[in-house]
C-alpha atoms as a PDB file:
ATOM      1  CA  MET A   1      71.836 -45.632-106.829  1.00  0.00           C
ATOM      2  CA  THR A   2      71.028 -42.444-106.783  1.00  0.00           C
ATOM      3  CA  LYS A   3      72.625 -39.178-108.444  1.00  0.00           C
ATOM      4  CA  ARG A   4      74.786 -38.944-105.316  1.00  0.00           C
ATOM      5  CA  GLU A   5      75.917 -42.388-104.877  1.00  0.00           C
ATOM      6  CA  ILE A   6      77.301 -41.745-108.801  1.00  0.00           C
ATOM      7  CA  ILE A   7      78.994 -38.313-107.894  1.00  0.00           C
ATOM      8  CA  GLU A   8      80.622 -40.552-105.049  1.00  0.00           C
ATOM      9  CA  GLU A   9      81.910 -43.497-107.278  1.00  0.00           C
ATOM     10  CA  LEU A  10      83.005 -41.123-109.358  1.00  0.00           C
ATOM     11  CA  LEU A  11      84.982 -39.293-107.160  1.00  0.00           C
ATOM     12  CA  ALA A  12      86.385 -42.794-105.870  1.00  0.00           C
ATOM     13  CA  ARG A  13      87.762 -43.685-108.997  1.00  0.00           C
ATOM     14  CA  ARG A  14      88.555 -40.553-110.279  1.00  0.00           C
ATOM     15  CA  HIS A  15      90.328 -38.866-107.759  1.00  0.00           C
ATOM     16  CA  ARG A  16      91.819 -35.071-109.587  1.00  0.00           C
ATOM     17  CA  PHE A  17      88.346 -34.023-109.759  1.00  0.00           C
ATOM     18  CA  THR A  18      86.739 -32.105-106.800  1.00  0.00           C
ATOM     19  CA  HIS A  19      83.229 -32.624-105.416  1.00  0.00           C
ATOM     20  CA  ARG A  20      81.803 -29.738-107.450  1.00  0.00           C
ATOM     21  CA  GLU A  21      83.306 -31.277-110.637  1.00  0.00           C
ATOM     22  CA  SER A  22      81.917 -34.546-110.495  1.00  0.00           C
ATOM     23  CA  GLU A  23      78.765 -33.055-109.623  1.00  0.00           C
ATOM     24  CA  THR A  24      78.879 -30.954-112.496  1.00  0.00           C
ATOM     25  CA  ILE A  25      80.251 -33.521-114.959  1.00  0.00           C
ATOM     26  CA  VAL A  26      76.626 -36.100-113.216  1.00  0.00           C
ATOM     27  CA  ASN A  27      74.645 -32.766-114.087  1.00  0.00           C
ATOM     28  CA  ALA A  28      75.746 -32.102-117.392  1.00  0.00           C
ATOM     29  CA  MET A  29      75.544 -35.932-118.868  1.00  0.00           C
ATOM     30  CA  PHE A  30      71.742 -36.224-117.152  1.00  0.00           C
ATOM     31  CA  ASP A  31      70.685 -32.605-119.122  1.00  0.00           C
ATOM     32  CA  ALA A  32      72.239 -33.958-122.358  1.00  0.00           C
ATOM     33  CA  MET A  33      70.346 -37.041-121.838  1.00  0.00           C
ATOM     34  CA  ALA A  34      67.205 -35.202-120.693  1.00  0.00           C
ATOM     35  CA  ASN A  35      67.376 -33.025-123.941  1.00  0.00           C
ATOM     36  CA  SER A  36      68.080 -35.661-126.448  1.00  0.00           C
ATOM     37  CA  LEU A  37      65.267 -37.073-125.331  1.00  0.00           C
ATOM     38  CA  MET A  38      63.006 -34.339-125.761  1.00  0.00           C
ATOM     39  CA  ARG A  39      63.453 -33.481-129.235  1.00  0.00           C
ATOM     40  CA  GLY A  40      62.909 -37.540-129.880  1.00  0.00           C
ATOM     41  CA  GLU A  41      66.299 -38.755-130.323  1.00  0.00           C
ATOM     42  CA  ARG A  42      67.332 -42.249-129.320  1.00  0.00           C
ATOM     43  CA  ILE A  43      70.185 -42.591-126.808  1.00  0.00           C
ATOM     44  CA  GLU A  44      72.318 -45.863-127.049  1.00  0.00           C
ATOM     45  CA  ILE A  45      75.247 -46.743-124.446  1.00  0.00           C
ATOM     46  CA  ARG A  46      77.094 -49.740-125.440  1.00  0.00           C
ATOM     47  CA  GLY A  47      77.184 -52.579-123.470  1.00  0.00           C
ATOM     48  CA  PHE A  48      74.637 -50.591-120.740  1.00  0.00           C
ATOM     49  CA  GLY A  49      71.548 -49.964-123.118  1.00  0.00           C
ATOM     50  CA  SER A  50      69.446 -47.557-124.868  1.00  0.00           C
ATOM     51  CA  PHE A  51      66.796 -44.990-124.041  1.00  0.00           C
ATOM     52  CA  ALA A  52      64.095 -43.931-126.313  1.00  0.00           C
ATOM     53  CA  VAL A  53      60.460 -41.991-126.162  1.00  0.00           C
ATOM     54  CA  LYS A  54      57.542 -44.255-126.761  1.00  0.00           C
ATOM     55  CA  GLN A  55      53.573 -42.586-127.519  1.00  0.00           C
ATOM     56  CA  ARG A  56      50.977 -43.864-125.464  1.00  0.00           C
ATOM     57  CA  ARG A  57      47.757 -42.710-126.919  1.00  0.00           C
ATOM     58  CA  ALA A  58      44.913 -41.751-125.543  1.00  0.00           C
ATOM     59  CA  ARG A  59      42.831 -43.907-123.694  1.00  0.00           C
ATOM     60  CA  GLN A  60      39.565 -44.683-121.488  1.00  0.00           C
ATOM     61  CA  GLY A  61      41.182 -45.448-117.730  1.00  0.00           C
ATOM     62  CA  ARG A  62      39.020 -45.630-114.758  1.00  0.00           C
ATOM     63  CA  ASN A  63      39.276 -43.679-111.196  1.00  0.00           C
ATOM     64  CA  PRO A  64      40.046 -46.686-108.893  1.00  0.00           C
ATOM     65  CA  LYS A  65      38.460 -45.256-106.131  1.00  0.00           C
ATOM     66  CA  THR A  66      34.961 -44.380-107.475  1.00  0.00           C
ATOM     67  CA  GLY A  67      35.006 -46.519-110.647  1.00  0.00           C
ATOM     68  CA  GLN A  68      34.082 -43.685-113.289  1.00  0.00           C
ATOM     69  CA  LEU A  69      35.606 -43.463-116.383  1.00  0.00           C
ATOM     70  CA  VAL A  70      38.010 -41.067-117.202  1.00  0.00           C
ATOM     71  CA  SER A  71      39.960 -39.580-120.139  1.00  0.00           C
ATOM     72  CA  VAL A  72      43.567 -40.263-119.890  1.00  0.00           C
ATOM     73  CA  ASP A  73      45.350 -38.014-122.710  1.00  0.00           C
ATOM     74  CA  ALA A  74      48.212 -38.976-125.225  1.00  0.00           C
ATOM     75  CA  LYS A  75      51.467 -38.881-123.817  1.00  0.00           C
ATOM     76  CA  GLN A  76      55.003 -39.629-124.052  1.00  0.00           C
ATOM     77  CA  ILE A  77      57.126 -41.787-121.669  1.00  0.00           C
ATOM     78  CA  PRO A  78      61.096 -42.207-121.873  1.00  0.00           C
ATOM     79  CA  PHE A  79      61.988 -45.885-122.066  1.00  0.00           C
ATOM     80  CA  PHE A  80      64.660 -48.066-121.459  1.00  0.00           C
ATOM     81  CA  ARG A  81      65.719 -51.295-122.885  1.00  0.00           C
ATOM     82  CA  ALA A  82      68.830 -52.999-121.308  1.00  0.00           C
ATOM     83  CA  GLY A  83      71.739 -54.424-123.688  1.00  0.00           C
ATOM     84  CA  LYS A  84      72.605 -57.493-123.993  1.00  0.00           C
ATOM     85  CA  GLU A  85      76.197 -57.188-121.983  1.00  0.00           C
ATOM     86  CA  LEU A  86      74.087 -55.799-118.765  1.00  0.00           C
ATOM     87  CA  ARG A  87      71.215 -59.069-119.066  1.00  0.00           C
ATOM     88  CA  ILE A  88      73.918 -60.990-119.426  1.00  0.00           C
ATOM     89  CA  GLU A  89      76.001 -59.513-116.332  1.00  0.00           C
ATOM     90  CA  VAL A  90      72.993 -59.117-113.940  1.00  0.00           C
ATOM     91  CA  ASN A  91      71.385 -62.682-114.393  1.00  0.00           C
ATOM     92  CA  GLY A  92      75.462 -63.711-114.219  1.00  0.00           C
ATOM     93  CA  ALA A  93      75.387 -61.645-110.977  1.00  0.00           C
ATOM     94  CA  GLU A  94      71.491 -63.770-109.608  1.00  0.00           C
ATOM     95  CA  GLU A  95      73.042 -66.980-110.518  1.00  0.00           C
ATOM     96  CA  ALA A  96      76.268 -67.031-108.244  1.00  0.00           C
ATOM     97  CA  ALA A  97      74.409 -65.382-105.441  1.00  0.00           C
ATOM     98  CA  ARG A  98      72.496 -68.785-105.638  1.00  0.00           C
END
């Protein structure tokens, strides 16, 4: 699902919002989430999952083309962990499709 599809879903469920208002709501939500993650905070959405930032250590990697060793800097990456309810729903949908 893309951001545009999320906006369209919001419009379909809440007819009182205009397209511009729906777009503003979705953008504000994503901006707030990104800002929280940049501050190192954890985001938890009950029934869906949680977002956090994980630290990756510096390491030695290899250039796949040449095989030469390359230094990879330490970095922070966003990480999503699905909640129990979401996992059950996804697995239930998977079994119903069989």
